[in-house]
Amino acid sequence: MGDAGGQDRSLTLVAGLVARLVDVAVLCGVDRTALLAELGLDASALEDRDNRLPMETFARGWKLLSESCPGRPLAIDWVRSWKITDVGVMGYVFAQLSTVEEAMEAAVRYGRLIDQGEAPRLVKGGATSRLEWGLAPALLATEHLPETIMASLVHFLRGTVGESFVPIAVRLPHRSTARHAGITAETPYPYAGGKRARRNSSA
């Protein structure tokens, strides 16, 4: 995972992702009112999933949740509670896809619109293709968020083309942890170890 570029403070993302994070935190036992206050958010800001919120708010929420549940595979909680409307109107675009190629191209085309702190890139090969996912520094501050993005991507691709799909290899920007056994049981992928610069998903 590399730097997505841009100044973190100027980047935004759809409110649906922040709303999902708050819901996941509540599932993990965090008090909703206290978390919203800590993030400086009014609950009304999360009602319209297409609203734009600062990416730093999302990153700070992940930091707080990661500190509260360091050993918990939060990616599982995220994937299990995920709704297509969490990415606003883009979710309905994703619902129309039917092939791995379409899904990967859509992830690149719309990923930065959903979250300006992310910079996906598709590298097409002969027999395989690879998705590389750049993240703003604030989003790289916790291990849980890259794990969740990876699990969500695998979940998205499997939901598009069927559960027989399994990536050839996955690399995250940190080494394997005890959380990975639970995550890969939920969203199967062969973990190829940590990599300093980028996380790659090959399909």
Foldseek 3Di string as FASTA:
>chain_A
DAFLDDDQQVWKAFLLLVVLLLVLLVVVPDDSVVLCVVLVHDPVQNPQRRRIDRVLSVLVSVVVSCVVCVPALSLLSSLVPDDLCSQPPLSVVLVPAAALVVLLVSCQVCVCVRTVQKHWDWADDDPKIKIWIHGHPSQVPGQNNQLNVVLNSLSSNCVRHHVVDEWAEWEAQAFDDPNVVVSCVNRPYHYPTYDNHIIMTMD
